Amino acid sequence: MNSRLFPYDLWPGFLDQESLYSWCARVHRLSGGLSSKATSKQLFGEKLSGARTDFPTPLNYLLGQVGSALGSAESILVDRTMFGFYQGFLPVERCEELADAVMNGPFSRVHYALGLSASLSFTSRCLKFCRHCLREQANDKVGWWKINEQWPAVFVCKVHGQPLDRFLVERGAGWLLPIDALRAESLGQTVQDGSSLSHLAKISQICSEMLQTTGLDLQTETLRYCYLFAARDRGLLSMDGALRLADLRDDWLKWAGTAIALPELLFAKEVGGVNAGFIGQLVRSYPGIRHPLKHFLLIAYLFDGVAEFRETNKIVSDILRNEGTDAAKNHLCHLRTKLAALVVGGGKSVNAAAGDIGVAPSQAIKYLKKARIEYERRPRIVGTSKEERLVELLQCGSPRSAICTALNLRNSFIKDYLAHKPVLRSTYQAASLERTRGIYRSNFLRIVKMHPSMRLKEIQKIPQNGYQWLRRNDAEWLSAVLPSLWG
C-alpha cells in the first residue's frame, strides 16, 4: 500500500466547523478505502486509535502525513477535537498531560488524563447531527459531523432550534458519516415536551457561549462557590449558611423534567437519592474533577445566562484569589448576624434584608422571633402606591429584572403576584412578547441592512441574528417584510 492517500499531497480541507473525526471519515471515503483500519494505519500509524470519535490519536503522526494542509497543530487540537470542550475545566498540569496524550498517544493516556467515569462513557461514543443542517450542507449526499454539535452539553441545533439526532458508534465500527447514521435507523431518543426541550436548548446555548468566552475561572473550587452564591441568592441557604440540598435537588429534578431520560443523562437519575447525585458532588468539597457536562447542567439551572454566571464567577474568583477560602465561606455564613444588623442597624424591612443575604423571608421572620429581635412591620406592597406602579410596568411589558430594580422587589414576588392575577398575567405576556418582537425585528433588519447581498443561509450563521426566534414567534412579519429571502 502507498503511504500517501492522495497524489501530490492534495488533501481536502476542513468543512464548516468539521471535526477531525469527520475529516478522516471523508478522506477514507474519498480515497476509496475499503478498510478503516488500513486508512487509520496510513493516517495515524495506528489501526484503531485514529478512528476515535472524540480524540483521533496520535495527532503528530497525522501532521507528519499532511504537513500544514490542515492548519496548525494547536488549531486542530482545540477546534477539531474534544480538547476544546474539556480544557477550561482541567487543572493546568492535567490539561498539558491531555494535550501531550492526544498529540503523541497512546490513546490509553487520553482516557487516564480525562478520568471519565463509566457512567459517561456513552458521550465519548455518541455522534450527533441536525437533519435540517444536513439537508443544507453543500455535499448533502453524505454530510459531515460538526465539532460543536459533538460537545456533550449540546442537545439542540442553534440554527434550527431542533433536537439533535444521536447515533451510538459501536466499538471497531470505523469511520462513519451522518448518512450512515440515517441508513442505520438506530438513532437515540429525543425529548419532545416543550419545557424540557426549552431547558435543553438553554443548556446548549450556555455551553456554546461559555466555551467561546475568555477569562472565566472554571476550576472546581471556584465553580463550587459560584453554585453556593447562586443558591444563596435563590434563598436555598439556611440561616446558619448551610445549603438546603434536598430543596435544591427536588427543584432541579422538576426543572430537568423528562430530559434525564436521554441516554447521555441517565446518571442524572441519581440526583433523586439522599446525596443528590452529581449535584451533591458539585456543591460539596469532594476530591476529584467532574465532567463538564455536569457543570453545564447545574449552571443552566442556577443562572439566567452566561452574563449572570460571568458576573458571579468574577466575584467569587476575586474573593478566592485575594482573600482566600475563609472569606468566601464568610459570605455564606453568619447570615443571622447580617440579618440582625440590616434590620436593626440598617433600618431595612425584613423582606429587603432577607433578599440581601439570600434567605427566604419566612426563615428570616422565624429567626427574628426566636431571637426576640424587634423589627418594624411595614405595610405590604398590595394596596400601596408601589402596587399601582408595579401594575403599570407589567402592563407595559417591562423586563422583570428592570421592574425588580426600579421597585426593589424580588423576582419571586412578581411571579407569585402574576400567578394570582391571570388577566394581568396575560396582558403582561402579550406586552412582553410585543416588546421582544420589536427588539428582534430591529436587530434582524440591522443585520440584513449590513449584509444586503447575503443569503438567508449565511445570515443565520451570524451570532445573535435572531432569525429562528422570529420564525417561531413572528413568521407573518418575516414573510411580509422580507419576502425576497424566501426566493
Protein backbone atom coordinates (compact mmCIF):
# COMPACT_ATOMS: atom_id res chain seq x y z
CA MET A 1 0.00 0.00 0.00
CA ASN A 2 1.16 3.51 -0.85
CA SER A 3 1.80 5.59 2.26
CA ARG A 4 0.22 8.60 0.54
CA LEU A 5 -3.55 8.55 0.14
CA PHE A 6 -3.62 11.48 -2.34
CA PRO A 7 -1.14 12.31 -5.13
CA TYR A 8 0.89 15.50 -4.70
CA ASP A 9 -0.49 15.82 -1.15
CA LEU A 10 -3.74 17.39 -2.39
CA TRP A 11 -5.51 16.87 0.90
CA PRO A 12 -9.10 18.12 1.25
CA GLY A 13 -9.57 20.98 3.72
CA PHE A 14 -11.88 21.12 6.71
CA LEU A 15 -15.53 21.94 6.05
CA ASP A 16 -17.51 24.40 8.20
CA GLN A 17 -16.94 23.51 11.91
CA GLU A 18 -15.97 19.98 10.85
CA SER A 19 -14.45 17.68 13.45
CA LEU A 20 -11.19 15.82 12.84
CA TYR A 21 -13.06 12.51 13.01
CA SER A 22 -15.40 13.70 10.25
CA TRP A 23 -12.48 14.84 8.10
CA CYS A 24 -10.86 11.41 8.45
CA ALA A 25 -14.15 9.74 7.50
CA ARG A 26 -14.35 11.85 4.33
CA VAL A 27 -10.70 11.15 3.47
CA HIS A 28 -11.33 7.44 3.91
CA ARG A 29 -14.33 7.65 1.58
CA LEU A 30 -12.66 9.91 -0.99
CA SER A 31 -9.59 7.68 -1.17
CA GLY A 32 -11.74 4.65 -1.94
CA GLY A 33 -10.51 2.84 1.15
CA LEU A 34 -12.19 -0.46 1.94
CA SER A 35 -10.78 -0.87 5.44
CA SER A 36 -10.99 1.79 8.14
CA LYS A 37 -8.15 0.11 9.99
CA ALA A 38 -5.92 0.34 6.92
CA THR A 39 -6.71 4.02 6.41
CA SER A 40 -6.18 4.69 10.11
CA LYS A 41 -2.78 2.99 9.83
CA GLN A 42 -1.86 5.29 6.93
CA LEU A 43 -3.06 8.46 8.65
CA PHE A 44 -2.12 7.82 12.28
CA GLY A 45 0.22 4.84 12.29
CA GLU A 46 -2.38 3.03 14.43
CA LYS A 47 -5.23 0.75 13.36
CA LEU A 48 -7.81 1.79 15.97
CA SER A 49 -6.99 5.00 17.84
CA GLY A 50 -7.21 7.11 14.69
CA ALA A 51 -10.91 6.29 14.41
CA ARG A 52 -11.86 7.60 17.86
CA THR A 53 -14.85 9.93 17.59
CA ASP A 54 -13.57 12.32 20.27
CA PHE A 55 -9.76 12.21 20.12
CA PRO A 56 -8.20 10.65 16.99
CA THR A 57 -4.61 9.93 18.05
CA PRO A 58 -1.68 10.36 17.72
CA LEU A 59 -2.11 13.76 16.10
CA ASN A 60 1.62 14.34 15.49
CA TYR A 61 1.75 11.33 13.18
CA LEU A 62 -1.13 12.75 11.12
CA LEU A 63 0.62 16.12 10.88
CA GLY A 64 3.67 14.32 9.55
CA GLN A 65 1.48 13.00 6.74
CA VAL A 66 -0.49 16.14 5.82
CA GLY A 67 2.03 18.84 6.72
CA SER A 68 0.41 22.27 7.03
CA ALA A 69 -2.59 21.40 4.83
CA LEU A 70 -4.96 21.42 7.83
CA GLY A 71 -3.50 24.34 9.77
CA SER A 72 -1.51 24.40 13.00
CA ALA A 73 -1.38 21.57 15.49
CA GLU A 74 -2.96 23.80 18.16
CA SER A 75 -5.93 24.79 15.98
CA ILE A 76 -6.61 21.16 15.08
CA LEU A 77 -6.33 20.07 18.72
CA VAL A 78 -8.53 22.82 20.15
CA ASP A 79 -11.04 23.40 17.33
CA ARG A 80 -11.37 19.95 15.73
CA THR A 81 -11.21 17.52 18.65
CA MET A 82 -12.99 17.44 22.01
CA PHE A 83 -9.98 19.07 23.69
CA GLY A 84 -11.62 22.50 23.45
CA PHE A 85 -14.61 21.24 25.45
CA TYR A 86 -12.55 19.93 28.37
CA GLN A 87 -9.53 22.23 28.64
CA GLY A 88 -11.11 25.05 30.68
CA PHE A 89 -12.30 22.65 33.39
CA LEU A 90 -8.95 20.89 33.85
CA PRO A 91 -6.02 21.98 36.05
CA VAL A 92 -3.03 23.20 34.05
CA GLU A 93 -0.97 20.06 34.67
CA ARG A 94 -3.74 17.70 33.60
CA CYS A 95 -4.58 19.86 30.59
CA GLU A 96 -0.96 19.66 29.41
CA GLU A 97 -0.98 15.90 30.01
CA LEU A 98 -4.14 15.53 27.93
CA ALA A 99 -2.70 17.61 25.07
CA ASP A 100 0.50 15.54 25.06
CA ALA A 101 -1.51 12.30 25.08
CA VAL A 102 -3.57 13.39 22.05
CA MET A 103 -0.50 14.60 20.18
CA ASN A 104 1.74 11.59 20.86
CA GLY A 105 -0.51 8.76 22.04
CA PRO A 106 -1.24 6.12 23.03
CA PHE A 107 -4.97 6.63 23.49
CA SER A 108 -4.93 4.97 26.91
CA ARG A 109 -3.14 8.09 28.19
CA VAL A 110 -6.03 10.23 26.89
CA HIS A 111 -8.53 8.23 28.90
CA TYR A 112 -6.32 8.45 32.00
CA ALA A 113 -5.84 12.24 31.69
CA LEU A 114 -9.59 12.83 31.38
CA GLY A 115 -10.53 10.48 34.20
CA LEU A 116 -14.05 9.96 32.82
CA SER A 117 -16.41 7.85 34.87
CA ALA A 118 -18.08 4.78 33.39
CA SER A 119 -21.49 6.44 33.65
CA LEU A 120 -20.41 8.94 30.98
CA SER A 121 -18.79 6.56 28.52
CA PHE A 122 -21.81 7.00 26.24
CA THR A 123 -20.81 10.59 25.47
CA SER A 124 -17.42 9.54 24.04
CA ARG A 125 -19.06 7.20 21.50
CA CYS A 126 -22.12 9.27 20.62
CA LEU A 127 -22.24 11.31 17.39
CA LYS A 128 -24.89 13.99 16.89
CA PHE A 129 -26.22 15.94 13.93
CA CYS A 130 -29.15 18.09 12.83
CA ARG A 131 -31.28 16.72 10.00
CA HIS A 132 -32.13 20.25 8.83
CA CYS A 133 -28.45 21.24 8.66
CA LEU A 134 -27.70 18.03 6.80
CA ARG A 135 -30.16 18.98 4.06
CA GLU A 136 -28.49 22.39 3.71
CA GLN A 137 -24.89 21.18 3.66
CA ALA A 138 -23.12 21.50 0.33
CA ASN A 139 -22.38 17.80 -0.01
CA ASP A 140 -25.73 16.67 1.33
CA LYS A 141 -25.22 13.20 -0.08
CA VAL A 142 -23.08 12.29 2.92
CA GLY A 143 -22.91 15.31 5.27
CA TRP A 144 -20.29 15.90 7.94
CA TRP A 145 -20.00 15.97 11.73
CA LYS A 146 -19.75 19.45 13.30
CA ILE A 147 -17.46 19.62 16.31
CA ASN A 148 -19.71 22.00 18.29
CA GLU A 149 -22.61 19.54 17.96
CA GLN A 150 -20.45 16.78 19.43
CA TRP A 151 -19.91 18.65 22.71
CA PRO A 152 -21.66 16.54 25.38
CA ALA A 153 -23.64 19.54 26.70
CA VAL A 154 -25.15 20.45 23.31
CA PHE A 155 -28.52 18.84 22.61
CA VAL A 156 -30.28 21.32 20.30
CA CYS A 157 -29.25 22.83 16.96
CA LYS A 158 -28.57 26.55 17.49
CA VAL A 159 -29.66 27.36 13.92
CA HIS A 160 -32.93 25.44 13.70
CA GLY A 161 -33.83 25.03 17.37
CA GLN A 162 -34.50 21.32 16.87
CA PRO A 163 -33.22 18.39 18.96
CA LEU A 164 -30.08 16.80 17.55
CA ASP A 165 -30.28 13.22 16.37
CA ARG A 166 -27.79 10.99 18.18
CA PHE A 167 -26.06 7.87 16.91
CA LEU A 168 -24.08 5.46 19.06
CA VAL A 169 -20.93 4.26 17.30
CA GLU A 170 -20.16 0.66 18.11
CA ARG A 171 -16.56 -0.12 19.02
CA GLY A 172 -14.49 -1.01 15.98
CA ALA A 173 -17.10 0.42 13.58
CA GLY A 174 -14.51 2.61 11.83
CA TRP A 175 -15.28 5.97 10.27
CA LEU A 176 -18.89 6.92 9.67
CA LEU A 177 -20.72 9.97 8.30
CA PRO A 178 -24.25 11.26 9.04
CA ILE A 179 -25.66 9.45 6.02
CA ASP A 180 -24.51 6.16 7.60
CA ALA A 181 -26.38 7.05 10.79
CA LEU A 182 -29.57 7.75 8.81
CA ARG A 183 -29.32 4.45 6.99
CA ALA A 184 -28.73 2.54 10.24
CA GLU A 185 -32.05 3.80 11.66
CA SER A 186 -30.80 3.26 15.22
CA LEU A 187 -30.92 6.86 16.37
CA GLY A 188 -31.31 7.66 20.06
CA GLN A 189 -34.49 9.07 21.54
CA THR A 190 -35.08 12.82 21.74
CA VAL A 191 -37.06 14.97 24.16
CA GLN A 192 -40.43 16.07 22.82
CA ASP A 193 -42.16 18.04 25.60
CA GLY A 194 -41.74 21.80 25.27
CA SER A 195 -40.48 22.60 28.77
CA SER A 196 -37.65 20.05 28.79
CA LEU A 197 -36.71 20.94 25.22
CA SER A 198 -36.52 24.60 26.21
CA HIS A 199 -34.18 23.77 29.08
CA LEU A 200 -32.02 21.58 26.84
CA ALA A 201 -31.79 24.49 24.41
CA LYS A 202 -30.68 26.73 27.28
CA ILE A 203 -28.01 24.22 28.34
CA SER A 204 -26.80 24.05 24.73
CA GLN A 205 -26.71 27.84 24.40
CA ILE A 206 -24.82 28.32 27.67
CA CYS A 207 -22.33 25.62 26.72
CA SER A 208 -21.64 27.21 23.32
CA GLU A 209 -21.30 30.72 24.76
CA MET A 210 -19.12 29.71 27.69
CA LEU A 211 -16.69 27.77 25.53
CA GLN A 212 -16.24 30.90 23.43
CA THR A 213 -15.87 33.24 26.44
CA THR A 214 -12.41 34.07 27.70
CA GLY A 215 -11.46 34.99 31.26
CA LEU A 216 -13.74 32.54 33.09
CA ASP A 217 -12.32 30.65 36.07
CA LEU A 218 -13.72 27.14 35.68
CA GLN A 219 -11.64 25.38 38.31
CA THR A 220 -13.51 23.07 40.68
CA GLU A 221 -13.34 25.18 43.85
CA THR A 222 -14.35 28.39 42.08
CA LEU A 223 -17.32 26.70 40.44
CA ARG A 224 -18.45 25.23 43.77
CA TYR A 225 -18.63 28.64 45.39
CA CYS A 226 -20.36 30.06 42.29
CA TYR A 227 -23.11 27.48 42.82
CA LEU A 228 -23.35 28.26 46.54
CA PHE A 229 -23.55 32.01 45.89
CA ALA A 230 -26.32 31.42 43.34
CA ALA A 231 -28.14 29.13 45.80
CA ARG A 232 -27.89 31.87 48.42
CA ASP A 233 -29.46 34.37 46.03
CA ARG A 234 -32.28 31.90 45.41
CA GLY A 235 -33.00 31.54 49.11
CA LEU A 236 -31.67 27.98 49.26
CA LEU A 237 -29.42 28.53 52.28
CA SER A 238 -30.46 28.03 55.87
CA MET A 239 -29.95 30.78 58.45
CA ASP A 240 -26.69 29.10 59.54
CA GLY A 241 -25.39 29.25 55.96
CA ALA A 242 -25.89 25.55 55.17
CA LEU A 243 -27.21 24.61 51.75
CA ARG A 244 -30.73 23.14 51.73
CA LEU A 245 -29.63 20.36 49.40
CA ALA A 246 -32.94 18.49 49.42
CA ASP A 247 -34.80 21.60 48.21
CA LEU A 248 -32.19 22.22 45.51
CA ARG A 249 -32.34 18.57 44.46
CA ASP A 250 -36.13 18.46 44.19
CA ASP A 251 -36.35 21.74 42.30
CA TRP A 252 -33.65 20.69 39.83
CA LEU A 253 -35.43 17.42 39.09
CA LYS A 254 -38.65 19.32 38.45
CA TRP A 255 -36.76 21.73 36.19
CA ALA A 256 -35.00 18.96 34.21
CA GLY A 257 -38.25 17.08 33.58
CA THR A 258 -38.09 14.29 31.02
CA ALA A 259 -34.61 15.33 29.84
CA ILE A 260 -32.97 12.89 32.28
CA ALA A 261 -34.39 10.04 30.17
CA LEU A 262 -31.82 10.81 27.46
CA PRO A 263 -29.08 8.14 27.28
CA GLU A 264 -26.27 10.64 27.97
CA LEU A 265 -28.09 11.97 31.06
CA LEU A 266 -29.01 8.71 32.74
CA PHE A 267 -26.51 9.49 35.52
CA ALA A 268 -28.79 12.42 36.48
CA LYS A 269 -31.40 9.99 37.82
CA GLU A 270 -29.13 9.54 40.85
CA VAL A 271 -29.97 13.12 41.82
CA GLY A 272 -33.14 11.77 43.43
CA GLY A 273 -31.06 9.90 46.03
CA VAL A 274 -30.13 11.05 49.53
CA ASN A 275 -26.79 12.52 48.41
CA ALA A 276 -28.35 14.26 45.37
CA GLY A 277 -26.10 12.54 42.84
CA PHE A 278 -23.87 14.80 40.75
CA ILE A 279 -25.38 17.94 42.34
CA GLY A 280 -24.10 16.82 45.73
CA GLN A 281 -20.68 16.23 44.18
CA LEU A 282 -20.55 19.75 42.70
CA VAL A 283 -21.71 21.71 45.77
CA ARG A 284 -19.71 19.78 48.34
CA SER A 285 -15.96 19.72 48.76
CA TYR A 286 -15.33 16.27 47.28
CA PRO A 287 -11.89 15.48 45.80
CA GLY A 288 -11.57 14.99 42.07
CA ILE A 289 -12.72 16.68 38.87
CA ARG A 290 -16.25 16.37 37.49
CA HIS A 291 -17.27 16.07 33.87
CA PRO A 292 -18.05 19.49 32.28
CA LEU A 293 -21.49 18.19 31.27
CA LYS A 294 -22.45 18.02 34.96
CA HIS A 295 -21.35 21.61 35.46
CA PHE A 296 -23.37 22.86 32.49
CA LEU A 297 -26.49 21.09 33.80
CA LEU A 298 -26.25 22.97 37.10
CA ILE A 299 -25.14 26.31 35.62
CA ALA A 300 -28.14 26.38 33.25
CA TYR A 301 -30.45 25.78 36.23
CA LEU A 302 -28.92 28.28 38.65
CA PHE A 303 -28.17 31.17 36.27
CA ASP A 304 -30.29 33.06 33.75
CA GLY A 305 -27.45 33.12 31.24
CA VAL A 306 -23.72 33.42 30.68
CA ALA A 307 -23.68 37.13 31.60
CA GLU A 308 -25.05 36.42 35.09
CA PHE A 309 -22.70 33.48 35.55
CA ARG A 310 -19.71 35.55 34.40
CA GLU A 311 -20.53 38.24 36.98
CA THR A 312 -20.77 35.73 39.83
CA ASN A 313 -17.68 33.91 38.58
CA LYS A 314 -15.63 37.12 38.70
CA ILE A 315 -16.83 37.98 42.21
CA VAL A 316 -16.02 34.50 43.53
CA SER A 317 -12.70 34.31 41.70
CA ASP A 318 -11.59 37.69 43.12
CA ILE A 319 -12.58 36.67 46.67
CA LEU A 320 -10.72 33.36 46.47
CA ARG A 321 -7.65 34.92 44.88
CA ASN A 322 -7.37 37.99 47.12
CA GLU A 323 -8.92 36.88 50.42
CA GLY A 324 -8.94 33.09 50.42
CA THR A 325 -11.44 30.32 51.08
CA ASP A 326 -12.37 31.53 54.56
CA ALA A 327 -13.57 34.84 53.12
CA ALA A 328 -15.75 33.01 50.59
CA LYS A 329 -17.26 30.97 53.43
CA ASN A 330 -17.96 34.14 55.39
CA HIS A 331 -20.09 35.42 52.53
CA LEU A 332 -22.29 32.37 53.01
CA CYS A 333 -22.21 32.02 56.78
CA HIS A 334 -23.06 34.36 59.64
CA LEU A 335 -26.40 35.13 57.98
CA ARG A 336 -28.07 35.56 61.36
CA THR A 337 -25.65 38.33 62.36
CA LYS A 338 -26.00 40.02 58.97
CA LEU A 339 -29.80 39.84 59.13
CA ALA A 340 -29.93 41.41 62.58
CA ALA A 341 -27.52 44.17 61.50
CA LEU A 342 -29.60 45.01 58.41
CA VAL A 343 -32.92 45.04 60.26
CA VAL A 344 -31.85 46.75 63.46
CA GLY A 345 -28.89 48.90 62.43
CA GLY A 346 -29.60 49.30 58.74
CA GLY A 347 -33.28 50.06 59.11
CA LYS A 348 -34.28 47.68 56.34
CA SER A 349 -37.50 45.75 56.11
CA VAL A 350 -37.38 42.04 56.79
CA ASN A 351 -38.14 41.29 53.14
CA ALA A 352 -35.36 43.56 51.88
CA ALA A 353 -32.86 42.26 54.42
CA ALA A 354 -33.74 38.65 53.61
CA GLY A 355 -33.23 39.39 49.91
CA ASP A 356 -29.81 40.94 50.60
CA ILE A 357 -28.49 37.89 52.42
CA GLY A 358 -30.25 35.36 50.21
CA VAL A 359 -32.73 33.66 52.53
CA ALA A 360 -36.48 33.30 52.41
CA PRO A 361 -38.44 36.00 54.31
CA SER A 362 -40.25 33.27 56.27
CA GLN A 363 -36.89 31.98 57.55
CA ALA A 364 -35.82 35.49 58.49
CA ILE A 365 -39.03 36.20 60.41
CA LYS A 366 -38.82 32.85 62.20
CA TYR A 367 -35.27 33.57 63.36
CA LEU A 368 -36.03 37.16 64.45
CA LYS A 369 -38.98 35.98 66.54
CA LYS A 370 -36.95 33.20 68.11
CA ALA A 371 -34.11 35.57 68.92
CA ARG A 372 -36.65 38.14 70.20
CA ILE A 373 -35.30 40.80 67.89
CA GLU A 374 -37.79 43.58 67.33
CA TYR A 375 -38.45 44.56 63.73
CA GLU A 376 -40.75 47.07 62.12
CA ARG A 377 -43.83 45.62 60.46
CA ARG A 378 -44.21 47.68 57.34
CA PRO A 379 -47.24 47.87 55.08
CA ARG A 380 -47.29 45.31 52.34
CA ILE A 381 -46.93 46.14 48.66
CA VAL A 382 -50.51 45.19 47.88
CA GLY A 383 -52.78 48.16 48.36
CA THR A 384 -49.99 50.75 48.19
CA SER A 385 -48.72 53.15 45.52
CA LYS A 386 -45.93 50.69 44.80
CA GLU A 387 -48.53 48.17 43.62
CA GLU A 388 -50.00 50.78 41.27
CA ARG A 389 -46.57 51.38 39.77
CA LEU A 390 -46.00 47.63 39.54
CA VAL A 391 -49.21 47.15 37.56
CA GLU A 392 -48.23 49.99 35.19
CA LEU A 393 -44.84 48.44 34.46
CA LEU A 394 -46.34 44.98 33.98
CA GLN A 395 -48.95 46.29 31.56
CA CYS A 396 -46.15 47.89 29.54
CA GLY A 397 -44.33 44.55 29.35
CA SER A 398 -41.20 45.87 31.09
CA PRO A 399 -38.50 43.22 31.77
CA ARG A 400 -38.84 41.65 35.19
CA SER A 401 -35.23 42.47 36.04
CA ALA A 402 -35.91 46.15 35.36
CA ILE A 403 -39.07 46.07 37.49
CA CYS A 404 -37.18 44.43 40.38
CA THR A 405 -34.51 47.14 40.22
CA ALA A 406 -36.96 50.02 39.92
CA LEU A 407 -39.25 48.92 42.76
CA ASN A 408 -36.77 46.97 44.90
CA LEU A 409 -38.75 43.77 44.52
CA ARG A 410 -37.73 40.15 44.25
CA ASN A 411 -38.48 38.29 41.05
CA SER A 412 -40.27 35.61 43.08
CA PHE A 413 -42.76 38.23 44.33
CA ILE A 414 -43.64 39.27 40.76
CA LYS A 415 -44.04 35.63 39.79
CA ASP A 416 -46.42 34.97 42.69
CA TYR A 417 -48.27 38.24 42.08
CA LEU A 418 -48.97 37.34 38.44
CA ALA A 419 -49.98 33.80 39.40
CA HIS A 420 -52.93 35.26 41.35
CA LYS A 421 -53.91 37.69 38.59
CA PRO A 422 -54.39 35.69 35.36
CA VAL A 423 -55.80 38.65 33.38
CA LEU A 424 -52.83 40.86 34.23
CA ARG A 425 -50.50 37.96 33.53
CA SER A 426 -51.95 37.57 30.03
CA THR A 427 -51.62 41.30 29.44
CA TYR A 428 -48.02 41.25 30.64
CA GLN A 429 -47.11 38.25 28.48
CA ALA A 430 -48.63 39.85 25.39
CA ALA A 431 -46.91 43.20 26.02
CA SER A 432 -43.61 41.49 26.81
CA LEU A 433 -43.84 39.45 23.62
CA GLU A 434 -44.57 42.57 21.57
CA ARG A 435 -41.62 44.38 23.12
CA THR A 436 -39.34 41.41 22.47
CA ARG A 437 -40.58 41.21 18.88
CA GLY A 438 -39.62 44.83 18.38
CA ILE A 439 -36.10 44.15 19.63
CA TYR A 440 -35.67 41.08 17.43
CA ARG A 441 -37.13 42.83 14.39
CA SER A 442 -34.87 45.84 14.60
CA ASN A 443 -31.81 43.66 15.25
CA PHE A 444 -32.59 41.38 12.30
CA LEU A 445 -33.23 44.34 9.97
CA ARG A 446 -29.95 45.86 11.06
CA ILE A 447 -28.07 42.68 10.14
CA VAL A 448 -29.84 42.42 6.77
CA LYS A 449 -29.05 46.07 6.05
CA MET A 450 -25.39 45.49 6.90
CA HIS A 451 -25.27 42.48 4.54
CA PRO A 452 -27.74 43.30 1.71
CA SER A 453 -26.39 40.69 -0.70
CA MET A 454 -26.04 37.87 1.82
CA ARG A 455 -28.32 34.85 1.50
CA LEU A 456 -30.53 33.74 4.39
CA LYS A 457 -28.42 30.64 4.92
CA GLU A 458 -25.38 32.82 5.61
CA ILE A 459 -27.31 35.36 7.71
CA GLN A 460 -28.32 32.55 10.07
CA LYS A 461 -24.65 31.89 10.82
CA ILE A 462 -24.16 35.41 12.19
CA PRO A 463 -24.19 35.32 16.03
CA GLN A 464 -27.33 36.72 17.67
CA ASN A 465 -29.14 37.05 14.31
CA GLY A 466 -32.47 36.12 15.92
CA TYR A 467 -33.90 34.52 12.78
CA GLN A 468 -35.07 31.32 14.43
CA TRP A 469 -36.86 33.24 17.19
CA LEU A 470 -38.64 35.39 14.60
CA ARG A 471 -39.52 32.34 12.56
CA ARG A 472 -41.21 30.75 15.57
CA ASN A 473 -42.81 33.89 17.01
CA ASP A 474 -43.17 36.36 14.13
CA ALA A 475 -43.39 34.39 10.89
CA GLU A 476 -46.00 36.67 9.30
CA TRP A 477 -43.78 39.70 9.76
CA LEU A 478 -40.82 37.88 8.23
CA SER A 479 -42.75 36.84 5.11
CA ALA A 480 -44.41 40.26 4.70
CA VAL A 481 -41.39 42.48 5.24
CA LEU A 482 -38.66 40.34 3.69
CA PRO A 483 -40.29 38.18 1.00
CA SER A 484 -37.11 38.12 -1.08
CA LEU A 485 -35.34 35.97 1.50
CA TRP A 486 -37.61 33.07 0.55
CA GLY A 487 -36.95 33.43 -3.16
